[in-house]
Amino acid sequence: MIEAPIGPRWLPQGSVIADIPCTVDIENTADSLHAHVELEGVEVGPGDTLLVHGAPTDIEFGHKGLHQCRATLIRASLFERTLIRVAAYLGLTELYEVSFSPGRV
């Protein structure tokens, strides 16, 4: 079984859900360059870490493929999840400072 990464001792550690089946869709063509992972029966939340095992790391140009793999999901702790949500909110509020006026007011 894979253990959660060790961080500072004052941070609570997340829980580990091991051996989740997943499908990896990889494409490297003129139309698209992507790699998507679809988990079976599990949703990834803010701050969670996903480790995919056995997926190809490269694909030649002009090829695409679907690969069945296993993944390990490490759930974020309540503290980490809250920190991510606050950081996302503060990042969003930076957009409020954008002005669409044609010059100085």
PDB file of N, CA and C in Angstrom:
ATOM      1  N   MET A   1       0.829  -1.180   0.000  1.00  0.00           N
ATOM      2  CA  MET A   1       0.000   0.000   0.000  1.00  0.00           C
ATOM      3  C   MET A   1       0.873   1.242   0.000  1.00  0.00           C
ATOM      4  N   ILE A   2       0.448   2.255  -0.720  1.00  0.00           N
ATOM      5  CA  ILE A   2       1.197   3.498  -0.822  1.00  0.00           C
ATOM      6  C   ILE A   2       0.779   4.417   0.314  1.00  0.00           C
ATOM      7  N   GLU A   3       1.758   5.047   0.949  1.00  0.00           N
ATOM      8  CA  GLU A   3       1.464   5.930   2.066  1.00  0.00           C
ATOM      9  C   GLU A   3       1.423   7.375   1.589  1.00  0.00           C
ATOM     10  N   ALA A   4       0.711   8.210   2.333  1.00  0.00           N
ATOM     11  CA  ALA A   4       0.624   9.634   2.010  1.00  0.00           C
ATOM     12  C   ALA A   4       1.998  10.272   2.161  1.00  0.00           C
ATOM     13  N   PRO A   5       2.297  11.287   1.329  1.00  0.00           N
ATOM     14  CA  PRO A   5       3.589  11.951   1.460  1.00  0.00           C
ATOM     15  C   PRO A   5       3.731  12.610   2.828  1.00  0.00           C
ATOM     16  N   ILE A   6       4.948  12.632   3.322  1.00  0.00           N
ATOM     17  CA  ILE A   6       5.207  13.189   4.644  1.00  0.00           C
ATOM     18  C   ILE A   6       5.449  14.682   4.500  1.00  0.00           C
ATOM     19  N   GLY A   7       4.677  15.480   5.206  1.00  0.00           N
ATOM     20  CA  GLY A   7       4.815  16.930   5.186  1.00  0.00           C
ATOM     21  C   GLY A   7       5.160  17.415   6.574  1.00  0.00           C
ATOM     22  N   PRO A   8       4.984  18.718   6.802  1.00  0.00           N
ATOM     23  CA  PRO A   8       5.224  19.234   8.153  1.00  0.00           C
ATOM     24  C   PRO A   8       4.323  18.534   9.160  1.00  0.00           C
ATOM     25  N   ARG A   9       4.841  18.277  10.342  1.00  0.00           N
ATOM     26  CA  ARG A   9       4.091  17.513  11.346  1.00  0.00           C
ATOM     27  C   ARG A   9       2.845  18.242  11.840  1.00  0.00           C
ATOM     28  N   TRP A  10       2.804  19.567  11.737  1.00  0.00           N
ATOM     29  CA  TRP A  10       1.632  20.289  12.216  1.00  0.00           C
ATOM     30  C   TRP A  10       0.475  20.228  11.229  1.00  0.00           C
ATOM     31  N   LEU A  11       0.726  19.787   9.987  1.00  0.00           N
ATOM     32  CA  LEU A  11      -0.349  19.653   9.006  1.00  0.00           C
ATOM     33  C   LEU A  11      -0.979  18.277   9.118  1.00  0.00           C
ATOM     34  N   PRO A  12      -2.300  18.191   9.183  1.00  0.00           N
ATOM     35  CA  PRO A  12      -2.934  16.874   9.175  1.00  0.00           C
ATOM     36  C   PRO A  12      -2.768  16.230   7.808  1.00  0.00           C
ATOM     37  N   GLN A  13      -2.542  14.926   7.786  1.00  0.00           N
ATOM     38  CA  GLN A  13      -2.341  14.209   6.530  1.00  0.00           C
ATOM     39  C   GLN A  13      -3.674  13.762   5.952  1.00  0.00           C
ATOM     40  N   GLY A  14      -3.751  13.700   4.620  1.00  0.00           N
ATOM     41  CA  GLY A  14      -4.958  13.233   3.954  1.00  0.00           C
ATOM     42  C   GLY A  14      -5.025  11.719   3.957  1.00  0.00           C
ATOM     43  N   SER A  15      -6.166  11.190   3.595  1.00  0.00           N
ATOM     44  CA  SER A  15      -6.330   9.741   3.542  1.00  0.00           C
ATOM     45  C   SER A  15      -6.010   9.237   2.139  1.00  0.00           C
ATOM     46  N   VAL A  16      -5.590   7.998   2.052  1.00  0.00           N
ATOM     47  CA  VAL A  16      -5.185   7.399   0.783  1.00  0.00           C
ATOM     48  C   VAL A  16      -6.224   6.376   0.350  1.00  0.00           C
ATOM     49  N   ILE A  17      -6.667   6.495  -0.889  1.00  0.00           N
ATOM     50  CA  ILE A  17      -7.526   5.484  -1.503  1.00  0.00           C
ATOM     51  C   ILE A  17      -6.674   4.840  -2.588  1.00  0.00           C
ATOM     52  N   ALA A  18      -6.321   3.571  -2.444  1.00  0.00           N
ATOM     53  CA  ALA A  18      -5.372   2.934  -3.350  1.00  0.00           C
ATOM     54  C   ALA A  18      -6.073   2.097  -4.412  1.00  0.00           C
ATOM     55  N   ASP A  19      -5.363   1.868  -5.513  1.00  0.00           N
ATOM     56  CA  ASP A  19      -5.780   0.982  -6.601  1.00  0.00           C
ATOM     57  C   ASP A  19      -7.150   1.323  -7.175  1.00  0.00           C
ATOM     58  N   ILE A  20      -7.244   2.493  -7.754  1.00  0.00           N
ATOM     59  CA  ILE A  20      -8.455   2.906  -8.451  1.00  0.00           C
ATOM     60  C   ILE A  20      -8.245   2.627  -9.933  1.00  0.00           C
ATOM     61  N   PRO A  21      -9.150   1.898 -10.583  1.00  0.00           N
ATOM     62  CA  PRO A  21      -9.005   1.706 -12.026  1.00  0.00           C
ATOM     63  C   PRO A  21      -9.283   3.017 -12.760  1.00  0.00           C
ATOM     64  N   CYS A  22      -8.510   3.280 -13.816  1.00  0.00           N
ATOM     65  CA  CYS A  22      -8.703   4.505 -14.582  1.00  0.00           C
ATOM     66  C   CYS A  22      -8.382   4.259 -16.053  1.00  0.00           C
ATOM     67  N   THR A  23      -8.859   5.155 -16.889  1.00  0.00           N
ATOM     68  CA  THR A  23      -8.591   5.129 -18.324  1.00  0.00           C
ATOM     69  C   THR A  23      -7.809   6.382 -18.672  1.00  0.00           C
ATOM     70  N   VAL A  24      -6.681   6.213 -19.361  1.00  0.00           N
ATOM     71  CA  VAL A  24      -5.852   7.340 -19.779  1.00  0.00           C
ATOM     72  C   VAL A  24      -6.004   7.497 -21.288  1.00  0.00           C
ATOM     73  N   ASP A  25      -6.448   8.671 -21.716  1.00  0.00           N
ATOM     74  CA  ASP A  25      -6.621   8.999 -23.133  1.00  0.00           C
ATOM     75  C   ASP A  25      -5.487   9.935 -23.527  1.00  0.00           C
ATOM     76  N   ILE A  26      -4.602   9.469 -24.417  1.00  0.00           N
ATOM     77  CA  ILE A  26      -3.449  10.258 -24.849  1.00  0.00           C
ATOM     78  C   ILE A  26      -3.548  10.471 -26.351  1.00  0.00           C
ATOM     79  N   GLU A  27      -3.307  11.718 -26.789  1.00  0.00           N
ATOM     80  CA  GLU A  27      -3.338  12.026 -28.221  1.00  0.00           C
ATOM     81  C   GLU A  27      -2.259  13.049 -28.535  1.00  0.00           C
ATOM     82  N   ASN A  28      -1.517  12.807 -29.623  1.00  0.00           N
ATOM     83  CA  ASN A  28      -0.500  13.726 -30.117  1.00  0.00           C
ATOM     84  C   ASN A  28      -0.660  13.811 -31.628  1.00  0.00           C
ATOM     85  N   THR A  29      -1.592  14.643 -32.072  1.00  0.00           N
ATOM     86  CA  THR A  29      -1.862  14.820 -33.497  1.00  0.00           C
ATOM     87  C   THR A  29      -1.812  16.304 -33.835  1.00  0.00           C
ATOM     88  N   ALA A  30      -2.002  16.616 -35.122  1.00  0.00           N
ATOM     89  CA  ALA A  30      -2.033  18.014 -35.544  1.00  0.00           C
ATOM     90  C   ALA A  30      -3.240  18.737 -34.953  1.00  0.00           C
ATOM     91  N   ASP A  31      -4.300  18.000 -34.647  1.00  0.00           N
ATOM     92  CA  ASP A  31      -5.514  18.608 -34.104  1.00  0.00           C
ATOM     93  C   ASP A  31      -5.469  18.787 -32.593  1.00  0.00           C
ATOM     94  N   SER A  32      -4.774  17.901 -31.887  1.00  0.00           N
ATOM     95  CA  SER A  32      -4.830  17.942 -30.430  1.00  0.00           C
ATOM     96  C   SER A  32      -3.575  17.337 -29.806  1.00  0.00           C
ATOM     97  N   LEU A  33      -3.177  17.910 -28.688  1.00  0.00           N
ATOM     98  CA  LEU A  33      -2.105  17.363 -27.851  1.00  0.00           C
ATOM     99  C   LEU A  33      -2.647  17.350 -26.427  1.00  0.00           C
ATOM    100  N   HIS A  34      -3.013  16.166 -25.932  1.00  0.00           N
ATOM    101  CA  HIS A  34      -3.614  16.089 -24.605  1.00  0.00           C
ATOM    102  C   HIS A  34      -3.394  14.721 -23.973  1.00  0.00           C
ATOM    103  N   ALA A  35      -3.597  14.698 -22.662  1.00  0.00           N
ATOM    104  CA  ALA A  35      -3.629  13.464 -21.878  1.00  0.00           C
ATOM    105  C   ALA A  35      -4.682  13.657 -20.793  1.00  0.00           C
ATOM    106  N   HIS A  36      -5.743  12.869 -20.851  1.00  0.00           N
ATOM    107  CA  HIS A  36      -6.839  12.965 -19.892  1.00  0.00           C
ATOM    108  C   HIS A  36      -6.945  11.666 -19.106  1.00  0.00           C
ATOM    109  N   VAL A  37      -7.271  11.777 -17.829  1.00  0.00           N
ATOM    110  CA  VAL A  37      -7.466  10.613 -16.968  1.00  0.00           C
ATOM    111  C   VAL A  37      -8.912  10.603 -16.492  1.00  0.00           C
ATOM    112  N   GLU A  38      -9.577   9.471 -16.679  1.00  0.00           N
ATOM    113  CA  GLU A  38     -10.945   9.294 -16.192  1.00  0.00           C
ATOM    114  C   GLU A  38     -10.936   8.207 -15.127  1.00  0.00           C
ATOM    115  N   LEU A  39     -11.329   8.580 -13.912  1.00  0.00           N
ATOM    116  CA  LEU A  39     -11.389   7.628 -12.804  1.00  0.00           C
ATOM    117  C   LEU A  39     -12.740   6.939 -12.798  1.00  0.00           C
ATOM    118  N   GLU A  40     -12.750   5.706 -12.366  1.00  0.00           N
ATOM    119  CA  GLU A  40     -13.987   4.932 -12.311  1.00  0.00           C
ATOM    120  C   GLU A  40     -14.543   4.949 -10.894  1.00  0.00           C
ATOM    121  N   GLY A  41     -15.628   5.710 -10.691  1.00  0.00           N
ATOM    122  CA  GLY A  41     -16.326   5.700  -9.414  1.00  0.00           C
ATOM    123  C   GLY A  41     -15.800   6.624  -8.341  1.00  0.00           C
ATOM    124  N   VAL A  42     -14.829   7.489  -8.649  1.00  0.00           N
ATOM    125  CA  VAL A  42     -14.263   8.383  -7.642  1.00  0.00           C
ATOM    126  C   VAL A  42     -14.145   9.785  -8.240  1.00  0.00           C
ATOM    127  N   GLU A  43     -14.470  10.798  -7.449  1.00  0.00           N
ATOM    128  CA  GLU A  43     -14.306  12.180  -7.881  1.00  0.00           C
ATOM    129  C   GLU A  43     -13.113  12.801  -7.164  1.00  0.00           C
ATOM    130  N   VAL A  44     -12.343  13.604  -7.901  1.00  0.00           N
ATOM    131  CA  VAL A  44     -11.187  14.296  -7.342  1.00  0.00           C
ATOM    132  C   VAL A  44     -11.646  15.673  -6.878  1.00  0.00           C
ATOM    133  N   GLY A  45     -11.291  16.033  -5.648  1.00  0.00           N
ATOM    134  CA  GLY A  45     -11.688  17.315  -5.080  1.00  0.00           C
ATOM    135  C   GLY A  45     -10.532  18.294  -5.047  1.00  0.00           C
ATOM    136  N   PRO A  46     -10.795  19.530  -4.612  1.00  0.00           N
ATOM    137  CA  PRO A  46      -9.738  20.539  -4.517  1.00  0.00           C
ATOM    138  C   PRO A  46      -8.631  20.096  -3.563  1.00  0.00           C
ATOM    139  N   GLY A  47      -7.384  20.186  -4.019  1.00  0.00           N
ATOM    140  CA  GLY A  47      -6.241  19.836  -3.190  1.00  0.00           C
ATOM    141  C   GLY A  47      -5.850  18.373  -3.206  1.00  0.00           C
ATOM    142  N   ASP A  48      -6.665  17.506  -3.817  1.00  0.00           N
ATOM    143  CA  ASP A  48      -6.343  16.077  -3.879  1.00  0.00           C
ATOM    144  C   ASP A  48      -5.174  15.841  -4.832  1.00  0.00           C
ATOM    145  N   THR A  49      -4.412  14.775  -4.585  1.00  0.00           N
ATOM    146  CA  THR A  49      -3.288  14.392  -5.429  1.00  0.00           C
ATOM    147  C   THR A  49      -3.599  13.054  -6.074  1.00  0.00           C
ATOM    148  N   LEU A  50      -3.351  12.953  -7.378  1.00  0.00           N
ATOM    149  CA  LEU A  50      -3.610  11.723  -8.113  1.00  0.00           C
ATOM    150  C   LEU A  50      -2.311  11.233  -8.732  1.00  0.00           C
ATOM    151  N   LEU A  51      -1.944   9.982  -8.445  1.00  0.00           N
ATOM    152  CA  LEU A  51      -0.759   9.357  -9.024  1.00  0.00           C
ATOM    153  C   LEU A  51      -1.217   8.247  -9.956  1.00  0.00           C
ATOM    154  N   VAL A  52      -0.876   8.357 -11.248  1.00  0.00           N
ATOM    155  CA  VAL A  52      -1.263   7.350 -12.236  1.00  0.00           C
ATOM    156  C   VAL A  52      -0.080   6.412 -12.436  1.00  0.00           C
ATOM    157  N   HIS A  53      -0.329   5.104 -12.337  1.00  0.00           N
ATOM    158  CA  HIS A  53       0.727   4.101 -12.451  1.00  0.00           C
ATOM    159  C   HIS A  53       0.603   3.357 -13.777  1.00  0.00           C
ATOM    160  N   GLY A  54       1.709   3.233 -14.501  1.00  0.00           N
ATOM    161  CA  GLY A  54       1.741   2.417 -15.705  1.00  0.00           C
ATOM    162  C   GLY A  54       1.276   3.097 -16.972  1.00  0.00           C
ATOM    163  N   ALA A  55       1.019   4.388 -16.947  1.00  0.00           N
ATOM    164  CA  ALA A  55       0.604   5.096 -18.165  1.00  0.00           C
ATOM    165  C   ALA A  55       1.841   5.441 -18.989  1.00  0.00           C
ATOM    166  N   PRO A  56       1.729   5.403 -20.312  1.00  0.00           N
ATOM    167  CA  PRO A  56       2.875   5.782 -21.140  1.00  0.00           C
ATOM    168  C   PRO A  56       3.208   7.262 -20.940  1.00  0.00           C
ATOM    169  N   THR A  57       4.488   7.586 -20.956  1.00  0.00           N
ATOM    170  CA  THR A  57       4.899   8.967 -20.728  1.00  0.00           C
ATOM    171  C   THR A  57       5.078   9.752 -22.017  1.00  0.00           C
ATOM    172  N   ASP A  58       5.150   9.070 -23.138  1.00  0.00           N
ATOM    173  CA  ASP A  58       5.260   9.779 -24.410  1.00  0.00           C
ATOM    174  C   ASP A  58       4.534   8.996 -25.500  1.00  0.00           C
ATOM    175  N   ILE A  59       4.180   9.700 -26.549  1.00  0.00           N
ATOM    176  CA  ILE A  59       3.495   9.092 -27.677  1.00  0.00           C
ATOM    177  C   ILE A  59       3.975   9.815 -28.929  1.00  0.00           C
ATOM    178  N   GLU A  60       4.210   9.067 -29.993  1.00  0.00           N
ATOM    179  CA  GLU A  60       4.731   9.655 -31.218  1.00  0.00           C
ATOM    180  C   GLU A  60       3.695  10.551 -31.873  1.00  0.00           C
ATOM    181  N   PHE A  61       4.180  11.511 -32.664  1.00  0.00           N
ATOM    182  CA  PHE A  61       3.285  12.424 -33.363  1.00  0.00           C
ATOM    183  C   PHE A  61       2.397  11.643 -34.329  1.00  0.00           C
ATOM    184  N   GLY A  62       1.122  11.986 -34.340  1.00  0.00           N
ATOM    185  CA  GLY A  62       0.160  11.335 -35.217  1.00  0.00           C
ATOM    186  C   GLY A  62      -0.528  10.141 -34.591  1.00  0.00           C
ATOM    187  N   HIS A  63      -0.234   9.842 -33.346  1.00  0.00           N
ATOM    188  CA  HIS A  63      -0.829   8.687 -32.676  1.00  0.00           C
ATOM    189  C   HIS A  63      -1.753   9.120 -31.539  1.00  0.00           C
ATOM    190  N   LYS A  64      -2.669   8.243 -31.208  1.00  0.00           N
ATOM    191  CA  LYS A  64      -3.530   8.426 -30.043  1.00  0.00           C
ATOM    192  C   LYS A  64      -3.861   7.058 -29.482  1.00  0.00           C
ATOM    193  N   GLY A  65      -4.230   7.026 -28.219  1.00  0.00           N
ATOM    194  CA  GLY A  65      -4.528   5.733 -27.622  1.00  0.00           C
ATOM    195  C   GLY A  65      -5.252   5.841 -26.301  1.00  0.00           C
ATOM    196  N   LEU A  66      -5.954   4.765 -25.965  1.00  0.00           N
ATOM    197  CA  LEU A  66      -6.619   4.608 -24.674  1.00  0.00           C
ATOM    198  C   LEU A  66      -5.896   3.511 -23.913  1.00  0.00           C
ATOM    199  N   HIS A  67      -5.547   3.779 -22.675  1.00  0.00           N
ATOM    200  CA  HIS A  67      -4.804   2.820 -21.866  1.00  0.00           C
ATOM    201  C   HIS A  67      -5.522   2.613 -20.540  1.00  0.00           C
ATOM    202  N   GLN A  68      -5.666   1.362 -20.135  1.00  0.00           N
ATOM    203  CA  GLN A  68      -6.241   1.022 -18.832  1.00  0.00           C
ATOM    204  C   GLN A  68      -5.097   0.971 -17.823  1.00  0.00           C
ATOM    205  N   CYS A  69      -5.214   1.752 -16.750  1.00  0.00           N
ATOM    206  CA  CYS A  69      -4.157   1.840 -15.738  1.00  0.00           C
ATOM    207  C   CYS A  69      -4.769   1.804 -14.344  1.00  0.00           C
ATOM    208  N   ARG A  70      -3.907   1.903 -13.355  1.00  0.00           N
ATOM    209  CA  ARG A  70      -4.310   2.012 -11.955  1.00  0.00           C
ATOM    210  C   ARG A  70      -3.843   3.380 -11.461  1.00  0.00           C
ATOM    211  N   ALA A  71      -4.545   3.908 -10.472  1.00  0.00           N
ATOM    212  CA  ALA A  71      -4.180   5.208  -9.913  1.00  0.00           C
ATOM    213  C   ALA A  71      -4.320   5.171  -8.398  1.00  0.00           C
ATOM    214  N   THR A  72      -3.566   6.037  -7.736  1.00  0.00           N
ATOM    215  CA  THR A  72      -3.658   6.216  -6.292  1.00  0.00           C
ATOM    216  C   THR A  72      -4.120   7.644  -6.031  1.00  0.00           C
ATOM    217  N   LEU A  73      -5.180   7.791  -5.260  1.00  0.00           N
ATOM    218  CA  LEU A  73      -5.728   9.100  -4.922  1.00  0.00           C
ATOM    219  C   LEU A  73      -5.417   9.404  -3.465  1.00  0.00           C
ATOM    220  N   ILE A  74      -4.794  10.546  -3.221  1.00  0.00           N
ATOM    221  CA  ILE A  74      -4.504  11.001  -1.864  1.00  0.00           C
ATOM    222  C   ILE A  74      -5.408  12.198  -1.602  1.00  0.00           C
ATOM    223  N   ARG A  75      -6.379  12.000  -0.726  1.00  0.00           N
ATOM    224  CA  ARG A  75      -7.340  13.053  -0.405  1.00  0.00           C
ATOM    225  C   ARG A  75      -6.671  14.150   0.419  1.00  0.00           C
ATOM    226  N   ALA A  76      -7.014  15.391   0.128  1.00  0.00           N
ATOM    227  CA  ALA A  76      -6.518  16.520   0.907  1.00  0.00           C
ATOM    228  C   ALA A  76      -7.210  16.536   2.268  1.00  0.00           C
ATOM    229  N   SER A  77      -6.493  17.012   3.260  1.00  0.00           N
ATOM    230  CA  SER A  77      -7.099  17.149   4.590  1.00  0.00           C
ATOM    231  C   SER A  77      -8.061  18.339   4.575  1.00  0.00           C
ATOM    232  N   LEU A  78      -8.851  18.464   5.610  1.00  0.00           N
ATOM    233  CA  LEU A  78      -9.802  19.571   5.707  1.00  0.00           C
ATOM    234  C   LEU A  78      -9.070  20.911   5.678  1.00  0.00           C
ATOM    235  N   PHE A  79      -7.928  20.993   6.341  1.00  0.00           N
ATOM    236  CA  PHE A  79      -7.138  22.230   6.348  1.00  0.00           C
ATOM    237  C   PHE A  79      -6.654  22.570   4.942  1.00  0.00           C
ATOM    238  N   GLU A  80      -6.088  21.584   4.228  1.00  0.00           N
ATOM    239  CA  GLU A  80      -5.593  21.825   2.869  1.00  0.00           C
ATOM    240  C   GLU A  80      -6.725  22.223   1.927  1.00  0.00           C
ATOM    241  N   ARG A  81      -7.861  21.555   2.037  1.00  0.00           N
ATOM    242  CA  ARG A  81      -9.012  21.854   1.181  1.00  0.00           C
ATOM    243  C   ARG A  81      -9.511  23.286   1.425  1.00  0.00           C
ATOM    244  N   THR A  82      -9.560  23.694   2.689  1.00  0.00           N
ATOM    245  CA  THR A  82      -9.984  25.055   3.022  1.00  0.00           C
ATOM    246  C   THR A  82      -8.983  26.076   2.502  1.00  0.00           C
ATOM    247  N   LEU A  83      -7.691  25.784   2.639  1.00  0.00           N
ATOM    248  CA  LEU A  83      -6.651  26.681   2.148  1.00  0.00           C
ATOM    249  C   LEU A  83      -6.748  26.859   0.632  1.00  0.00           C
ATOM    250  N   ILE A  84      -7.005  25.786  -0.101  1.00  0.00           N
ATOM    251  CA  ILE A  84      -7.153  25.854  -1.558  1.00  0.00           C
ATOM    252  C   ILE A  84      -8.354  26.710  -1.932  1.00  0.00           C
ATOM    253  N   ARG A  85      -9.464  26.540  -1.246  1.00  0.00           N
ATOM    254  CA  ARG A  85     -10.675  27.324  -1.551  1.00  0.00           C
ATOM    255  C   ARG A  85     -10.455  28.814  -1.277  1.00  0.00           C
ATOM    256  N   VAL A  86      -9.766  29.152  -0.187  1.00  0.00           N
ATOM    257  CA  VAL A  86      -9.482  30.559   0.120  1.00  0.00           C
ATOM    258  C   VAL A  86      -8.550  31.147  -0.936  1.00  0.00           C
ATOM    259  N   ALA A  87      -7.504  30.404  -1.324  1.00  0.00           N
ATOM    260  CA  ALA A  87      -6.575  30.886  -2.347  1.00  0.00           C
ATOM    261  C   ALA A  87      -7.286  31.086  -3.687  1.00  0.00           C
ATOM    262  N   ALA A  88      -8.196  30.196  -4.039  1.00  0.00           N
ATOM    263  CA  ALA A  88      -8.948  30.334  -5.290  1.00  0.00           C
ATOM    264  C   ALA A  88      -9.847  31.562  -5.243  1.00  0.00           C
ATOM    265  N   TYR A  89     -10.486  31.809  -4.103  1.00  0.00           N
ATOM    266  CA  TYR A  89     -11.347  32.984  -3.962  1.00  0.00           C
ATOM    267  C   TYR A  89     -10.531  34.266  -4.078  1.00  0.00           C
ATOM    268  N   LEU A  90      -9.376  34.310  -3.421  1.00  0.00           N
ATOM    269  CA  LEU A  90      -8.536  35.504  -3.490  1.00  0.00           C
ATOM    270  C   LEU A  90      -7.981  35.709  -4.892  1.00  0.00           C
ATOM    271  N   GLY A  91      -7.679  34.630  -5.605  1.00  0.00           N
ATOM    272  CA  GLY A  91      -7.233  34.747  -6.990  1.00  0.00           C
ATOM    273  C   GLY A  91      -8.327  35.296  -7.886  1.00  0.00           C
ATOM    274  N   LEU A  92      -9.568  34.917  -7.607  1.00  0.00           N
ATOM    275  CA  LEU A  92     -10.701  35.409  -8.388  1.00  0.00           C
ATOM    276  C   LEU A  92     -10.936  36.890  -8.134  1.00  0.00           C
ATOM    277  N   THR A  93     -10.737  37.346  -6.910  1.00  0.00           N
ATOM    278  CA  THR A  93     -10.988  38.754  -6.600  1.00  0.00           C
ATOM    279  C   THR A  93      -9.986  39.683  -7.273  1.00  0.00           C
ATOM    280  N   GLU A  94      -8.829  39.182  -7.721  1.00  0.00           N
ATOM    281  CA  GLU A  94      -7.891  40.011  -8.470  1.00  0.00           C
ATOM    282  C   GLU A  94      -8.496  40.471  -9.786  1.00  0.00           C
ATOM    283  N   LEU A  95      -9.426  39.722 -10.331  1.00  0.00           N
ATOM    284  CA  LEU A  95     -10.067  40.100 -11.584  1.00  0.00           C
ATOM    285  C   LEU A  95     -10.949  41.328 -11.417  1.00  0.00           C
ATOM    286  N   TYR A  96     -11.400  41.604 -10.210  1.00  0.00           N
ATOM    287  CA  TYR A  96     -12.262  42.758  -9.975  1.00  0.00           C
ATOM    288  C   TYR A  96     -11.527  44.072 -10.203  1.00  0.00           C
ATOM    289  N   GLU A  97     -10.208  44.067 -10.154  1.00  0.00           N
ATOM    290  CA  GLU A  97      -9.431  45.289 -10.302  1.00  0.00           C
ATOM    291  C   GLU A  97      -9.236  45.688 -11.756  1.00  0.00           C
ATOM    292  N   VAL A  98      -9.719  44.906 -12.698  1.00  0.00           N
ATOM    293  CA  VAL A  98      -9.574  45.212 -14.117  1.00  0.00           C
ATOM    294  C   VAL A  98     -10.538  46.329 -14.474  1.00  0.00           C
ATOM    295  N   SER A  99     -10.054  47.309 -15.201  1.00  0.00           N
ATOM    296  CA  SER A  99     -10.888  48.432 -15.612  1.00  0.00           C
ATOM    297  C   SER A  99     -11.031  48.428 -17.126  1.00  0.00           C
ATOM    298  N   PHE A 100     -12.240  48.703 -17.596  1.00  0.00           N
ATOM    299  CA  PHE A 100     -12.490  48.750 -19.028  1.00  0.00           C
ATOM    300  C   PHE A 100     -12.692  50.185 -19.512  1.00  0.00           C
ATOM    301  N   SER A 101     -12.305  51.166 -18.709  1.00  0.00           N
ATOM    302  CA  SER A 101     -12.447  52.563 -19.109  1.00  0.00           C
ATOM    303  C   SER A 101     -11.350  52.915 -20.114  1.00  0.00           C
ATOM    304  N   PRO A 102     -11.622  53.866 -21.035  1.00  0.00           N
ATOM    305  CA  PRO A 102     -10.670  54.180 -22.097  1.00  0.00           C
ATOM    306  C   PRO A 102      -9.437  54.939 -21.618  1.00  0.00           C
ATOM    307  N   GLY A 103      -9.418  55.459 -20.446  1.00  0.00           N
ATOM    308  CA  GLY A 103      -8.251  56.190 -19.960  1.00  0.00           C
ATOM    309  C   GLY A 103      -8.361  56.442 -18.478  1.00  0.00           C
ATOM    310  N   ARG A 104      -7.600  57.434 -18.016  1.00  0.00           N
ATOM    311  CA  ARG A 104      -7.656  57.767 -16.589  1.00  0.00           C
ATOM    312  C   ARG A 104      -8.966  58.450 -16.260  1.00  0.00           C
ATOM    313  N   VAL A 105      -9.456  58.149 -15.096  1.00  0.00           N
ATOM    314  CA  VAL A 105     -10.716  58.747 -14.655  1.00  0.00           C
ATOM    315  C   VAL A 105     -10.433  59.798 -13.626  1.00  0.00           C
TER     316      VAL A 105
END
